[in-house]
Amino acid sequence: MNARTVVIRPIVSEKSYALLTSNKYTFRVHDRAHKTQIRQAVEEIFGVRVLDVRTMSVRPKPKRRGVISGKTRGWKKAIVQLHPEDRIELFEGQELGE
């Protein structure tokens, strides 16, 4: 897998913005990517130094539309902590709701 397939997109939420104060960034990642691949991908794409990677699988939620029931997709999330001197500018200039 190359770096662009490992890191799918950043997650923009109130919880992820609260983590920015401790220099932690949240990304949606490929389901089969492991921590080493995620670390290398973030370092390659953004040119930063990664200290720690935490991953979790987001479970599918049950949904109903009338009589028909189903589930949303499950996906994998990674919280990446950067070196105190590094920043990712992608997150810095955005407001919630954009």
PDB file of N, CA and C in Angstrom:
ATOM      1  N   MET A   1       0.845  -1.183   0.000  1.00  0.00           N
ATOM      2  CA  MET A   1       0.000   0.000   0.000  1.00  0.00           C
ATOM      3  C   MET A   1       0.890   1.247   0.000  1.00  0.00           C
ATOM      4  N   ASN A   2       0.499   2.233  -0.795  1.00  0.00           N
ATOM      5  CA  ASN A   2       1.245   3.486  -0.745  1.00  0.00           C
ATOM      6  C   ASN A   2       0.615   4.415   0.300  1.00  0.00           C
ATOM      7  N   ALA A   3       1.270   5.536   0.548  1.00  0.00           N
ATOM      8  CA  ALA A   3       0.858   6.428   1.638  1.00  0.00           C
ATOM      9  C   ALA A   3      -0.536   6.988   1.428  1.00  0.00           C
ATOM     10  N   ARG A   4      -0.917   7.273   0.188  1.00  0.00           N
ATOM     11  CA  ARG A   4      -2.227   7.872  -0.082  1.00  0.00           C
ATOM     12  C   ARG A   4      -3.378   6.883   0.092  1.00  0.00           C
ATOM     13  N   THR A   5      -3.109   5.593  -0.006  1.00  0.00           N
ATOM     14  CA  THR A   5      -4.178   4.623   0.243  1.00  0.00           C
ATOM     15  C   THR A   5      -4.275   4.265   1.725  1.00  0.00           C
ATOM     16  N   VAL A   6      -3.195   4.457   2.476  1.00  0.00           N
ATOM     17  CA  VAL A   6      -3.224   4.170   3.916  1.00  0.00           C
ATOM     18  C   VAL A   6      -4.035   5.244   4.636  1.00  0.00           C
ATOM     19  N   VAL A   7      -3.694   6.520   4.416  1.00  0.00           N
ATOM     20  CA  VAL A   7      -4.424   7.628   5.041  1.00  0.00           C
ATOM     21  C   VAL A   7      -5.504   8.067   4.065  1.00  0.00           C
ATOM     22  N   ILE A   8      -6.771   7.855   4.425  1.00  0.00           N
ATOM     23  CA  ILE A   8      -7.871   8.164   3.517  1.00  0.00           C
ATOM     24  C   ILE A   8      -8.246   9.637   3.605  1.00  0.00           C
ATOM     25  N   ARG A   9      -8.534  10.127   4.818  1.00  0.00           N
ATOM     26  CA  ARG A   9      -8.890  11.543   4.972  1.00  0.00           C
ATOM     27  C   ARG A   9      -8.814  11.920   6.447  1.00  0.00           C
ATOM     28  N   PRO A  10      -8.667  13.224   6.734  1.00  0.00           N
ATOM     29  CA  PRO A  10      -8.695  13.661   8.133  1.00  0.00           C
ATOM     30  C   PRO A  10     -10.123  13.651   8.669  1.00  0.00           C
ATOM     31  N   ILE A  11     -10.260  13.485   9.956  1.00  0.00           N
ATOM     32  CA  ILE A  11     -11.571  13.505  10.601  1.00  0.00           C
ATOM     33  C   ILE A  11     -11.741  14.868  11.263  1.00  0.00           C
ATOM     34  N   VAL A  12     -12.800  15.565  10.880  1.00  0.00           N
ATOM     35  CA  VAL A  12     -13.076  16.900  11.411  1.00  0.00           C
ATOM     36  C   VAL A  12     -14.296  16.799  12.318  1.00  0.00           C
ATOM     37  N   SER A  13     -14.062  16.916  13.625  1.00  0.00           N
ATOM     38  CA  SER A  13     -15.147  16.874  14.597  1.00  0.00           C
ATOM     39  C   SER A  13     -14.724  17.683  15.816  1.00  0.00           C
ATOM     40  N   GLU A  14     -15.649  17.904  16.722  1.00  0.00           N
ATOM     41  CA  GLU A  14     -15.326  18.643  17.935  1.00  0.00           C
ATOM     42  C   GLU A  14     -14.284  17.895  18.765  1.00  0.00           C
ATOM     43  N   LYS A  15     -14.419  16.594  18.817  1.00  0.00           N
ATOM     44  CA  LYS A  15     -13.486  15.793  19.598  1.00  0.00           C
ATOM     45  C   LYS A  15     -12.075  15.848  19.002  1.00  0.00           C
ATOM     46  N   SER A  16     -11.983  15.795  17.668  1.00  0.00           N
ATOM     47  CA  SER A  16     -10.661  15.855  17.043  1.00  0.00           C
ATOM     48  C   SER A  16     -10.040  17.242  17.204  1.00  0.00           C
ATOM     49  N   TYR A  17     -10.847  18.301  17.195  1.00  0.00           N
ATOM     50  CA  TYR A  17     -10.323  19.643  17.427  1.00  0.00           C
ATOM     51  C   TYR A  17      -9.856  19.823  18.868  1.00  0.00           C
ATOM     52  N   ALA A  18     -10.474  19.151  19.814  1.00  0.00           N
ATOM     53  CA  ALA A  18     -10.033  19.214  21.207  1.00  0.00           C
ATOM     54  C   ALA A  18      -8.660  18.544  21.363  1.00  0.00           C
ATOM     55  N   LEU A  19      -8.389  17.530  20.554  1.00  0.00           N
ATOM     56  CA  LEU A  19      -7.101  16.836  20.620  1.00  0.00           C
ATOM     57  C   LEU A  19      -5.965  17.654  20.003  1.00  0.00           C
ATOM     58  N   LEU A  20      -6.289  18.653  19.190  1.00  0.00           N
ATOM     59  CA  LEU A  20      -5.249  19.464  18.554  1.00  0.00           C
ATOM     60  C   LEU A  20      -4.402  20.210  19.579  1.00  0.00           C
ATOM     61  N   THR A  21      -4.967  20.525  20.740  1.00  0.00           N
ATOM     62  CA  THR A  21      -4.202  21.241  21.766  1.00  0.00           C
ATOM     63  C   THR A  21      -3.045  20.395  22.298  1.00  0.00           C
ATOM     64  N   SER A  22      -3.200  19.080  22.273  1.00  0.00           N
ATOM     65  CA  SER A  22      -2.117  18.191  22.701  1.00  0.00           C
ATOM     66  C   SER A  22      -1.338  17.633  21.514  1.00  0.00           C
ATOM     67  N   ASN A  23      -1.464  18.296  20.342  1.00  0.00           N
ATOM     68  CA  ASN A  23      -0.723  17.957  19.124  1.00  0.00           C
ATOM     69  C   ASN A  23      -1.059  16.556  18.611  1.00  0.00           C
ATOM     70  N   LYS A  24      -2.345  16.184  18.698  1.00  0.00           N
ATOM     71  CA  LYS A  24      -2.815  14.895  18.195  1.00  0.00           C
ATOM     72  C   LYS A  24      -3.788  15.148  17.043  1.00  0.00           C
ATOM     73  N   TYR A  25      -3.620  14.400  15.961  1.00  0.00           N
ATOM     74  CA  TYR A  25      -4.425  14.557  14.758  1.00  0.00           C
ATOM     75  C   TYR A  25      -5.134  13.236  14.460  1.00  0.00           C
ATOM     76  N   THR A  26      -6.362  13.324  13.969  1.00  0.00           N
ATOM     77  CA  THR A  26      -7.191  12.146  13.756  1.00  0.00           C
ATOM     78  C   THR A  26      -7.423  11.933  12.268  1.00  0.00           C
ATOM     79  N   PHE A  27      -7.248  10.690  11.816  1.00  0.00           N
ATOM     80  CA  PHE A  27      -7.410  10.342  10.413  1.00  0.00           C
ATOM     81  C   PHE A  27      -8.250   9.087  10.264  1.00  0.00           C
ATOM     82  N   ARG A  28      -8.978   9.005   9.145  1.00  0.00           N
ATOM     83  CA  ARG A  28      -9.599   7.749   8.749  1.00  0.00           C
ATOM     84  C   ARG A  28      -8.566   7.008   7.920  1.00  0.00           C
ATOM     85  N   VAL A  29      -8.311   5.758   8.258  1.00  0.00           N
ATOM     86  CA  VAL A  29      -7.256   4.996   7.595  1.00  0.00           C
ATOM     87  C   VAL A  29      -7.823   3.712   6.997  1.00  0.00           C
ATOM     88  N   HIS A  30      -7.024   3.071   6.155  1.00  0.00           N
ATOM     89  CA  HIS A  30      -7.409   1.813   5.516  1.00  0.00           C
ATOM     90  C   HIS A  30      -7.631   0.753   6.588  1.00  0.00           C
ATOM     91  N   ASP A  31      -8.614  -0.103   6.377  1.00  0.00           N
ATOM     92  CA  ASP A  31      -8.991  -1.107   7.376  1.00  0.00           C
ATOM     93  C   ASP A  31      -7.848  -2.059   7.732  1.00  0.00           C
ATOM     94  N   ARG A  32      -6.986  -2.360   6.775  1.00  0.00           N
ATOM     95  CA  ARG A  32      -5.919  -3.333   7.016  1.00  0.00           C
ATOM     96  C   ARG A  32      -4.560  -2.695   7.298  1.00  0.00           C
ATOM     97  N   ALA A  33      -4.511  -1.385   7.426  1.00  0.00           N
ATOM     98  CA  ALA A  33      -3.241  -0.705   7.715  1.00  0.00           C
ATOM     99  C   ALA A  33      -2.886  -0.886   9.185  1.00  0.00           C
ATOM    100  N   HIS A  34      -1.613  -1.151   9.447  1.00  0.00           N
ATOM    101  CA  HIS A  34      -1.172  -1.258  10.838  1.00  0.00           C
ATOM    102  C   HIS A  34      -0.413  -0.001  11.235  1.00  0.00           C
ATOM    103  N   LYS A  35      -0.044   0.078  12.516  1.00  0.00           N
ATOM    104  CA  LYS A  35       0.503   1.319  13.074  1.00  0.00           C
ATOM    105  C   LYS A  35       1.777   1.779  12.373  1.00  0.00           C
ATOM    106  N   THR A  36       2.639   0.850  12.005  1.00  0.00           N
ATOM    107  CA  THR A  36       3.878   1.226  11.328  1.00  0.00           C
ATOM    108  C   THR A  36       3.584   1.848   9.970  1.00  0.00           C
ATOM    109  N   GLN A  37       2.648   1.275   9.218  1.00  0.00           N
ATOM    110  CA  GLN A  37       2.272   1.837   7.917  1.00  0.00           C
ATOM    111  C   GLN A  37       1.657   3.219   8.077  1.00  0.00           C
ATOM    112  N   ILE A  38       0.834   3.406   9.097  1.00  0.00           N
ATOM    113  CA  ILE A  38       0.190   4.704   9.331  1.00  0.00           C
ATOM    114  C   ILE A  38       1.247   5.747   9.683  1.00  0.00           C
ATOM    115  N   ARG A  39       2.195   5.387  10.542  1.00  0.00           N
ATOM    116  CA  ARG A  39       3.281   6.300  10.917  1.00  0.00           C
ATOM    117  C   ARG A  39       4.079   6.728   9.686  1.00  0.00           C
ATOM    118  N   GLN A  40       4.482   5.768   8.856  1.00  0.00           N
ATOM    119  CA  GLN A  40       5.266   6.078   7.667  1.00  0.00           C
ATOM    120  C   GLN A  40       4.473   6.921   6.681  1.00  0.00           C
ATOM    121  N   ALA A  41       3.179   6.656   6.537  1.00  0.00           N
ATOM    122  CA  ALA A  41       2.350   7.402   5.590  1.00  0.00           C
ATOM    123  C   ALA A  41       2.192   8.860   6.028  1.00  0.00           C
ATOM    124  N   VAL A  42       1.936   9.099   7.318  1.00  0.00           N
ATOM    125  CA  VAL A  42       1.769  10.471   7.805  1.00  0.00           C
ATOM    126  C   VAL A  42       3.089  11.234   7.687  1.00  0.00           C
ATOM    127  N   GLU A  43       4.203  10.582   8.006  1.00  0.00           N
ATOM    128  CA  GLU A  43       5.501  11.241   7.880  1.00  0.00           C
ATOM    129  C   GLU A  43       5.810  11.578   6.433  1.00  0.00           C
ATOM    130  N   GLU A  44       5.448  10.686   5.505  1.00  0.00           N
ATOM    131  CA  GLU A  44       5.717  10.918   4.084  1.00  0.00           C
ATOM    132  C   GLU A  44       4.817  12.005   3.495  1.00  0.00           C
ATOM    133  N   ILE A  45       3.529  11.980   3.808  1.00  0.00           N
ATOM    134  CA  ILE A  45       2.582  12.925   3.210  1.00  0.00           C
ATOM    135  C   ILE A  45       2.794  14.330   3.759  1.00  0.00           C
ATOM    136  N   PHE A  46       2.906  14.475   5.076  1.00  0.00           N
ATOM    137  CA  PHE A  46       2.931  15.796   5.700  1.00  0.00           C
ATOM    138  C   PHE A  46       4.333  16.273   6.080  1.00  0.00           C
ATOM    139  N   GLY A  47       5.346  15.414   6.021  1.00  0.00           N
ATOM    140  CA  GLY A  47       6.703  15.804   6.355  1.00  0.00           C
ATOM    141  C   GLY A  47       6.883  16.170   7.819  1.00  0.00           C
ATOM    142  N   VAL A  48       6.312  15.377   8.718  1.00  0.00           N
ATOM    143  CA  VAL A  48       6.384  15.628  10.157  1.00  0.00           C
ATOM    144  C   VAL A  48       6.989  14.409  10.851  1.00  0.00           C
ATOM    145  N   ARG A  49       7.299  14.553  12.145  1.00  0.00           N
ATOM    146  CA  ARG A  49       7.813  13.443  12.942  1.00  0.00           C
ATOM    147  C   ARG A  49       6.698  12.934  13.845  1.00  0.00           C
ATOM    148  N   VAL A  50       6.426  11.645  13.777  1.00  0.00           N
ATOM    149  CA  VAL A  50       5.342  11.031  14.542  1.00  0.00           C
ATOM    150  C   VAL A  50       5.916  10.378  15.790  1.00  0.00           C
ATOM    151  N   LEU A  51       5.324  10.698  16.947  1.00  0.00           N
ATOM    152  CA  LEU A  51       5.744  10.086  18.208  1.00  0.00           C
ATOM    153  C   LEU A  51       4.936   8.843  18.548  1.00  0.00           C
ATOM    154  N   ASP A  52       3.623   8.883  18.300  1.00  0.00           N
ATOM    155  CA  ASP A  52       2.757   7.792  18.747  1.00  0.00           C
ATOM    156  C   ASP A  52       1.573   7.639  17.797  1.00  0.00           C
ATOM    157  N   VAL A  53       1.130   6.404  17.604  1.00  0.00           N
ATOM    158  CA  VAL A  53      -0.051   6.119  16.786  1.00  0.00           C
ATOM    159  C   VAL A  53      -0.982   5.227  17.590  1.00  0.00           C
ATOM    160  N   ARG A  54      -2.227   5.643  17.699  1.00  0.00           N
ATOM    161  CA  ARG A  54      -3.249   4.821  18.351  1.00  0.00           C
ATOM    162  C   ARG A  54      -4.345   4.546  17.335  1.00  0.00           C
ATOM    163  N   THR A  55      -4.771   3.302  17.245  1.00  0.00           N
ATOM    164  CA  THR A  55      -5.786   2.934  16.267  1.00  0.00           C
ATOM    165  C   THR A  55      -6.995   2.344  16.974  1.00  0.00           C
ATOM    166  N   MET A  56      -8.135   2.472  16.309  1.00  0.00           N
ATOM    167  CA  MET A  56      -9.349   1.847  16.809  1.00  0.00           C
ATOM    168  C   MET A  56     -10.279   1.541  15.643  1.00  0.00           C
ATOM    169  N   SER A  57     -11.054   0.514  15.790  1.00  0.00           N
ATOM    170  CA  SER A  57     -12.045   0.162  14.786  1.00  0.00           C
ATOM    171  C   SER A  57     -13.386   0.728  15.214  1.00  0.00           C
ATOM    172  N   VAL A  58     -13.988   1.512  14.340  1.00  0.00           N
ATOM    173  CA  VAL A  58     -15.302   2.086  14.616  1.00  0.00           C
ATOM    174  C   VAL A  58     -16.331   1.064  14.145  1.00  0.00           C
ATOM    175  N   ARG A  59     -17.169   0.631  15.059  1.00  0.00           N
ATOM    176  CA  ARG A  59     -18.132  -0.426  14.751  1.00  0.00           C
ATOM    177  C   ARG A  59     -19.307   0.114  13.950  1.00  0.00           C
ATOM    178  N   PRO A  60     -19.919  -0.719  13.136  1.00  0.00           N
ATOM    179  CA  PRO A  60     -21.092  -0.266  12.379  1.00  0.00           C
ATOM    180  C   PRO A  60     -22.292  -0.030  13.293  1.00  0.00           C
ATOM    181  N   LYS A  61     -23.084   0.987  12.933  1.00  0.00           N
ATOM    182  CA  LYS A  61     -24.279   1.306  13.716  1.00  0.00           C
ATOM    183  C   LYS A  61     -25.511   0.754  13.000  1.00  0.00           C
ATOM    184  N   PRO A  62     -26.481   0.245  13.753  1.00  0.00           N
ATOM    185  CA  PRO A  62     -27.719  -0.209  13.108  1.00  0.00           C
ATOM    186  C   PRO A  62     -28.553   0.981  12.639  1.00  0.00           C
ATOM    187  N   LYS A  63     -29.116   0.868  11.454  1.00  0.00           N
ATOM    188  CA  LYS A  63     -29.961   1.927  10.885  1.00  0.00           C
ATOM    189  C   LYS A  63     -31.237   1.290  10.353  1.00  0.00           C
ATOM    190  N   ARG A  64     -32.320   2.081  10.358  1.00  0.00           N
ATOM    191  CA  ARG A  64     -33.594   1.608   9.804  1.00  0.00           C
ATOM    192  C   ARG A  64     -34.176   2.678   8.919  1.00  0.00           C
ATOM    193  N   ARG A  65     -34.763   2.265   7.841  1.00  0.00           N
ATOM    194  CA  ARG A  65     -35.532   3.154   6.983  1.00  0.00           C
ATOM    195  C   ARG A  65     -36.856   2.431   6.734  1.00  0.00           C
ATOM    196  N   GLY A  66     -37.826   2.746   7.581  1.00  0.00           N
ATOM    197  CA  GLY A  66     -39.106   2.038   7.506  1.00  0.00           C
ATOM    198  C   GLY A  66     -38.944   0.628   8.025  1.00  0.00           C
ATOM    199  N   VAL A  67     -39.345  -0.342   7.212  1.00  0.00           N
ATOM    200  CA  VAL A  67     -39.285  -1.738   7.609  1.00  0.00           C
ATOM    201  C   VAL A  67     -37.890  -2.317   7.388  1.00  0.00           C
ATOM    202  N   ILE A  68     -37.163  -1.743   6.449  1.00  0.00           N
ATOM    203  CA  ILE A  68     -35.859  -2.284   6.068  1.00  0.00           C
ATOM    204  C   ILE A  68     -34.810  -1.865   7.092  1.00  0.00           C
ATOM    205  N   SER A  69     -34.074  -2.830   7.605  1.00  0.00           N
ATOM    206  CA  SER A  69     -33.021  -2.522   8.559  1.00  0.00           C
ATOM    207  C   SER A  69     -31.671  -2.911   7.967  1.00  0.00           C
ATOM    208  N   GLY A  70     -30.637  -2.249   8.420  1.00  0.00           N
ATOM    209  CA  GLY A  70     -29.290  -2.528   7.939  1.00  0.00           C
ATOM    210  C   GLY A  70     -28.279  -1.933   8.891  1.00  0.00           C
ATOM    211  N   LYS A  71     -27.058  -1.800   8.420  1.00  0.00           N
ATOM    212  CA  LYS A  71     -25.980  -1.246   9.231  1.00  0.00           C
ATOM    213  C   LYS A  71     -25.144  -0.302   8.388  1.00  0.00           C
ATOM    214  N   THR A  72     -24.530   0.671   9.055  1.00  0.00           N
ATOM    215  CA  THR A  72     -23.547   1.513   8.376  1.00  0.00           C
ATOM    216  C   THR A  72     -22.249   0.725   8.260  1.00  0.00           C
ATOM    217  N   ARG A  73     -21.313   1.233   7.496  1.00  0.00           N
ATOM    218  CA  ARG A  73     -20.036   0.557   7.361  1.00  0.00           C
ATOM    219  C   ARG A  73     -19.176   0.756   8.593  1.00  0.00           C
ATOM    220  N   GLY A  74     -18.396  -0.255   8.921  1.00  0.00           N
ATOM    221  CA  GLY A  74     -17.384  -0.107   9.950  1.00  0.00           C
ATOM    222  C   GLY A  74     -16.126   0.460   9.299  1.00  0.00           C
ATOM    223  N   TRP A  75     -15.309   1.179  10.066  1.00  0.00           N
ATOM    224  CA  TRP A  75     -14.090   1.763   9.518  1.00  0.00           C
ATOM    225  C   TRP A  75     -13.042   1.871  10.603  1.00  0.00           C
ATOM    226  N   LYS A  76     -11.826   2.243  10.220  1.00  0.00           N
ATOM    227  CA  LYS A  76     -10.717   2.307  11.159  1.00  0.00           C
ATOM    228  C   LYS A  76     -10.252   3.745  11.307  1.00  0.00           C
ATOM    229  N   LYS A  77      -9.970   4.133  12.546  1.00  0.00           N
ATOM    230  CA  LYS A  77      -9.560   5.488  12.874  1.00  0.00           C
ATOM    231  C   LYS A  77      -8.194   5.441  13.542  1.00  0.00           C
ATOM    232  N   ALA A  78      -7.351   6.436  13.240  1.00  0.00           N
ATOM    233  CA  ALA A  78      -6.033   6.521  13.859  1.00  0.00           C
ATOM    234  C   ALA A  78      -5.844   7.906  14.460  1.00  0.00           C
ATOM    235  N   ILE A  79      -5.349   7.949  15.690  1.00  0.00           N
ATOM    236  CA  ILE A  79      -4.989   9.208  16.344  1.00  0.00           C
ATOM    237  C   ILE A  79      -3.467   9.242  16.393  1.00  0.00           C
ATOM    238  N   VAL A  80      -2.893  10.248  15.730  1.00  0.00           N
ATOM    239  CA  VAL A  80      -1.452  10.347  15.559  1.00  0.00           C
ATOM    240  C   VAL A  80      -0.935  11.518  16.386  1.00  0.00           C
ATOM    241  N   GLN A  81       0.035  11.253  17.274  1.00  0.00           N
ATOM    242  CA  GLN A  81       0.645  12.325  18.060  1.00  0.00           C
ATOM    243  C   GLN A  81       1.963  12.707  17.411  1.00  0.00           C
ATOM    244  N   LEU A  82       2.136  14.022  17.173  1.00  0.00           N
ATOM    245  CA  LEU A  82       3.333  14.525  16.519  1.00  0.00           C
ATOM    246  C   LEU A  82       4.338  15.055  17.526  1.00  0.00           C
ATOM    247  N   HIS A  83       5.558  15.246  17.062  1.00  0.00           N
ATOM    248  CA  HIS A  83       6.614  15.878  17.837  1.00  0.00           C
ATOM    249  C   HIS A  83       6.155  17.285  18.208  1.00  0.00           C
ATOM    250  N   PRO A  84       6.487  17.792  19.406  1.00  0.00           N
ATOM    251  CA  PRO A  84       5.980  19.111  19.828  1.00  0.00           C
ATOM    252  C   PRO A  84       6.314  20.264  18.880  1.00  0.00           C
ATOM    253  N   GLU A  85       7.375  20.152  18.088  1.00  0.00           N
ATOM    254  CA  GLU A  85       7.748  21.224  17.162  1.00  0.00           C
ATOM    255  C   GLU A  85       7.003  21.155  15.836  1.00  0.00           C
ATOM    256  N   ASP A  86       6.340  20.041  15.541  1.00  0.00           N
ATOM    257  CA  ASP A  86       5.689  19.841  14.236  1.00  0.00           C
ATOM    258  C   ASP A  86       4.207  20.165  14.295  1.00  0.00           C
ATOM    259  N   ARG A  87       3.672  20.613  13.167  1.00  0.00           N
ATOM    260  CA  ARG A  87       2.246  20.899  13.001  1.00  0.00           C
ATOM    261  C   ARG A  87       1.813  20.462  11.608  1.00  0.00           C
ATOM    262  N   ILE A  88       0.537  20.161  11.456  1.00  0.00           N
ATOM    263  CA  ILE A  88      -0.053  19.906  10.143  1.00  0.00           C
ATOM    264  C   ILE A  88      -0.954  21.089   9.836  1.00  0.00           C
ATOM    265  N   GLU A  89      -0.624  21.845   8.813  1.00  0.00           N
ATOM    266  CA  GLU A  89      -1.332  23.092   8.496  1.00  0.00           C
ATOM    267  C   GLU A  89      -2.743  22.842   7.968  1.00  0.00           C
ATOM    268  N   LEU A  90      -3.018  21.638   7.508  1.00  0.00           N
ATOM    269  CA  LEU A  90      -4.335  21.296   6.964  1.00  0.00           C
ATOM    270  C   LEU A  90      -5.435  21.561   7.979  1.00  0.00           C
ATOM    271  N   PHE A  91      -5.163  21.311   9.255  1.00  0.00           N
ATOM    272  CA  PHE A  91      -6.168  21.440  10.304  1.00  0.00           C
ATOM    273  C   PHE A  91      -6.241  22.853  10.871  1.00  0.00           C
ATOM    274  N   GLU A  92      -5.157  23.586  10.827  1.00  0.00           N
ATOM    275  CA  GLU A  92      -5.036  24.809  11.595  1.00  0.00           C
ATOM    276  C   GLU A  92      -6.008  25.910  11.188  1.00  0.00           C
ATOM    277  N   GLY A  93      -6.215  26.140   9.878  1.00  0.00           N
ATOM    278  CA  GLY A  93      -6.992  27.291   9.444  1.00  0.00           C
ATOM    279  C   GLY A  93      -8.477  27.055   9.287  1.00  0.00           C
ATOM    280  N   GLN A  94      -8.984  25.896   9.679  1.00  0.00           N
ATOM    281  CA  GLN A  94     -10.379  25.559   9.437  1.00  0.00           C
ATOM    282  C   GLN A  94     -11.226  25.827  10.678  1.00  0.00           C
ATOM    283  N   GLU A  95     -12.475  26.158  10.433  1.00  0.00           N
ATOM    284  CA  GLU A  95     -13.463  26.303  11.499  1.00  0.00           C
ATOM    285  C   GLU A  95     -14.429  25.131  11.419  1.00  0.00           C
ATOM    286  N   LEU A  96     -15.081  24.820  12.511  1.00  0.00           N
ATOM    287  CA  LEU A  96     -16.108  23.785  12.479  1.00  0.00           C
ATOM    288  C   LEU A  96     -17.264  24.276  11.642  1.00  0.00           C
ATOM    289  N   GLY A  97     -17.847  23.409  10.868  1.00  0.00           N
ATOM    290  CA  GLY A  97     -18.986  23.777  10.043  1.00  0.00           C
ATOM    291  C   GLY A  97     -18.598  24.102   8.603  1.00  0.00           C
ATOM    292  N   GLU A  98     -17.292  24.132   8.298  1.00  0.00           N
ATOM    293  CA  GLU A  98     -16.868  24.391   6.920  1.00  0.00           C
ATOM    294  C   GLU A  98     -16.952  23.153   6.097  1.00  0.00           C
TER     295      GLU A  98
END
